[in-house]
Protein backbone atom coordinates (compact mmCIF):
# COMPACT_ATOMS: atom_id res chain seq x y z
CA UNK A 1 -27.29 -4.08 -27.19
CA UNK A 2 -27.61 -2.42 -23.43
CA UNK A 3 -29.78 -5.49 -20.52
CA UNK A 4 -30.69 -4.04 -16.61
CA UNK A 5 -32.19 -6.39 -13.41
CA UNK A 6 -32.70 -4.35 -10.10
CA UNK A 7 -33.14 -6.78 -7.00
CA UNK A 8 -33.58 -5.99 -3.59
CA UNK A 9 -30.01 -7.06 -2.10
CA UNK A 10 -30.68 -9.95 -0.99
CA UNK A 11 -28.54 -13.19 -0.48
CA UNK A 12 -32.08 -14.71 -2.32
CA UNK A 13 -31.12 -12.83 -5.40
CA UNK A 14 -27.21 -12.58 -5.59
CA UNK A 15 -27.84 -16.15 -8.30
CA UNK A 16 -30.81 -14.00 -10.20
CA UNK A 17 -28.04 -11.20 -10.55
CA UNK A 18 -25.41 -13.69 -11.92
CA UNK A 19 -27.58 -15.17 -14.53
CA UNK A 20 -28.50 -12.22 -15.73
CA UNK A 21 -24.66 -11.60 -15.85
CA UNK A 22 -23.94 -14.43 -18.07
CA UNK A 23 -27.25 -14.31 -20.25
CA UNK A 24 -26.15 -10.64 -21.45
CA UNK A 25 -22.65 -12.19 -21.55
CA UNK A 26 -23.43 -15.40 -23.40
CA UNK A 27 -25.32 -12.89 -26.35
CA UNK A 28 -22.70 -10.32 -26.52
CA UNK A 29 -20.78 -12.93 -27.87
CA UNK A 30 -17.86 -14.22 -24.96
CA UNK A 31 -15.98 -17.50 -24.51
CA UNK A 32 -16.91 -20.09 -21.33
CA UNK A 33 -14.48 -18.30 -19.33
CA UNK A 34 -14.97 -14.73 -20.01
CA UNK A 35 -17.94 -15.84 -19.27
CA UNK A 36 -17.55 -17.30 -16.15
CA UNK A 37 -14.65 -15.15 -15.22
CA UNK A 38 -17.01 -12.90 -15.61
CA UNK A 39 -20.03 -14.12 -12.71
CA UNK A 40 -17.04 -15.08 -10.28
CA UNK A 41 -16.93 -10.70 -10.61
CA UNK A 42 -19.95 -10.13 -10.42
CA UNK A 43 -20.39 -13.07 -7.12
CA UNK A 44 -18.00 -11.15 -4.63
CA UNK A 45 -18.96 -7.71 -5.88
CA UNK A 46 -22.95 -8.49 -5.08
CA UNK A 47 -22.12 -10.62 -1.90
CA UNK A 48 -19.94 -8.26 -0.81
CA UNK A 49 -23.10 -5.04 -1.33
CA UNK A 50 -25.59 -7.33 0.72
CA UNK A 51 -23.25 -8.31 2.80
CA UNK A 52 -21.21 -5.57 4.43
CA UNK A 53 -23.53 -2.16 2.70
CA UNK A 54 -26.68 -3.23 4.23
CA UNK A 55 -25.52 -4.39 7.59
CA UNK A 56 -23.90 -0.85 7.69
CA UNK A 57 -26.73 0.91 5.45
CA UNK A 58 -28.97 -0.21 8.03
CA UNK A 59 -32.29 -1.99 7.60
CA UNK A 60 -34.46 0.99 7.98
CA UNK A 61 -35.05 1.48 4.51
CA UNK A 62 -35.13 -0.98 1.33
CA UNK A 63 -31.18 -1.84 -0.90
CA UNK A 64 -31.08 -2.61 -4.18
CA UNK A 65 -28.61 -3.38 -5.99
CA UNK A 66 -28.69 -2.28 -10.32
CA UNK A 67 -26.61 -3.71 -12.30
CA UNK A 68 -26.58 -2.29 -16.91
CA UNK A 69 -24.80 -4.64 -19.20
CA UNK A 70 -23.38 -3.62 -21.94
CA UNK A 71 -20.79 -4.32 -25.20
CA UNK A 72 -18.71 -0.94 -26.04
CA UNK A 73 -15.40 -0.81 -28.65
CA UNK A 74 -15.18 -3.97 -28.25
CA UNK A 75 -15.62 -4.05 -24.09
CA UNK A 76 -18.54 -6.47 -22.19
CA UNK A 77 -19.14 -3.69 -19.54
CA UNK A 78 -20.78 -4.78 -16.65
CA UNK A 79 -22.07 -1.29 -14.27
CA UNK A 80 -23.29 -2.50 -10.81
CA UNK A 81 -24.84 0.40 -8.81
CA UNK A 82 -26.20 -0.13 -5.05
CA UNK A 83 -27.94 2.62 -2.49
CA UNK A 84 -25.65 1.75 0.21
CA UNK A 85 -24.11 3.50 2.27
CA UNK A 86 -21.30 5.90 0.45
CA UNK A 87 -17.80 3.05 -0.18
CA UNK A 88 -15.34 2.64 -2.60
CA UNK A 89 -13.99 -1.16 -2.39
CA UNK A 90 -11.58 0.29 -4.45
CA UNK A 91 -9.85 1.18 -1.59
CA UNK A 92 -9.73 -1.65 0.46
CA UNK A 93 -8.47 -4.07 -2.04
CA UNK A 94 -5.47 -6.42 -1.54
CA UNK A 95 -2.05 -5.12 -2.05
CA UNK A 96 -0.59 -7.88 -0.50
CA UNK A 97 -1.04 -11.33 -1.34
CA UNK A 98 1.75 -12.98 -0.66
CA UNK A 99 2.47 -13.57 2.67
CA UNK A 100 1.30 -16.26 4.60
CA UNK A 101 0.33 -13.43 6.94
CA UNK A 102 -2.14 -12.15 4.18
CA UNK A 103 -3.49 -15.21 3.15
CA UNK A 104 -4.88 -16.17 6.55
CA UNK A 105 -6.58 -12.79 7.48
CA UNK A 106 -10.22 -13.22 6.31
CA UNK A 107 -10.95 -9.49 4.06
CA UNK A 108 -10.68 -7.72 1.74
CA UNK A 109 -11.05 -10.93 -1.10
CA UNK A 110 -13.57 -10.02 -3.12
CA UNK A 111 -12.36 -7.19 -4.82
CA UNK A 112 -9.49 -8.47 -5.41
CA UNK A 113 -10.81 -12.28 -7.06
CA UNK A 114 -13.52 -9.47 -9.25
CA UNK A 115 -10.41 -7.21 -10.13
CA UNK A 116 -7.81 -9.81 -11.08
CA UNK A 117 -11.25 -11.51 -13.47
CA UNK A 118 -11.65 -8.80 -15.03
CA UNK A 119 -9.92 -5.85 -17.06
CA UNK A 120 -10.58 -3.07 -15.36
CA UNK A 121 -12.89 -1.25 -12.72
CA UNK A 122 -13.67 1.97 -11.97
CA UNK A 123 -15.67 3.22 -9.02
CA UNK A 124 -17.84 6.46 -8.65
CA UNK A 125 -20.39 7.55 -6.62
CA UNK A 126 -23.56 10.25 -7.82
CA UNK A 127 -26.84 9.93 -7.87
CA UNK A 128 -26.88 8.83 -3.97
CA UNK A 129 -25.33 5.02 -4.96
CA UNK A 130 -22.13 2.94 -5.37
CA UNK A 131 -21.59 2.46 -9.00
CA UNK A 132 -18.44 -0.13 -9.68
CA UNK A 133 -18.00 -0.73 -13.44
CA UNK A 134 -16.67 -3.31 -14.99
CA UNK A 135 -14.69 -4.07 -17.72
CA UNK A 136 -13.73 -7.00 -19.80
CA UNK A 137 -12.33 -7.67 -22.98
CA UNK A 138 -14.38 -9.67 -25.08
CA UNK A 139 -12.32 -12.86 -26.35
CA UNK A 140 -8.93 -11.67 -24.76
CA UNK A 141 -8.32 -14.70 -23.40
CA UNK A 142 -9.88 -17.46 -25.19
């Protein structure tokens, strides 16, 4: 079954999006740990869209976050779309996380944490929208 939610890209709606994903993950039969990992990843991605995407795009338009979930081939799939400026977050993921210098530098951690929590992330841009797909194998960690 597929579920979707569209909200304005504002901090006030961030909890609404994560609650939506948690409910969909519960309905899909994910373990508590898998649900938490999905919630954390979605929170990081959407916070980045709100904080960086909206500000980079300008305040003259309505920006949204659309979240769709589905169960596909034993994977819980979350697709997060927005209409902000084109931006591939996978190209900005931290590659060096071991050095003290890297740990002290701000920025770039959100997509790293999302990547660590999920089994895969894919990015695409079409129809003037960013689309980030996050996949979590069901019962992979439970």
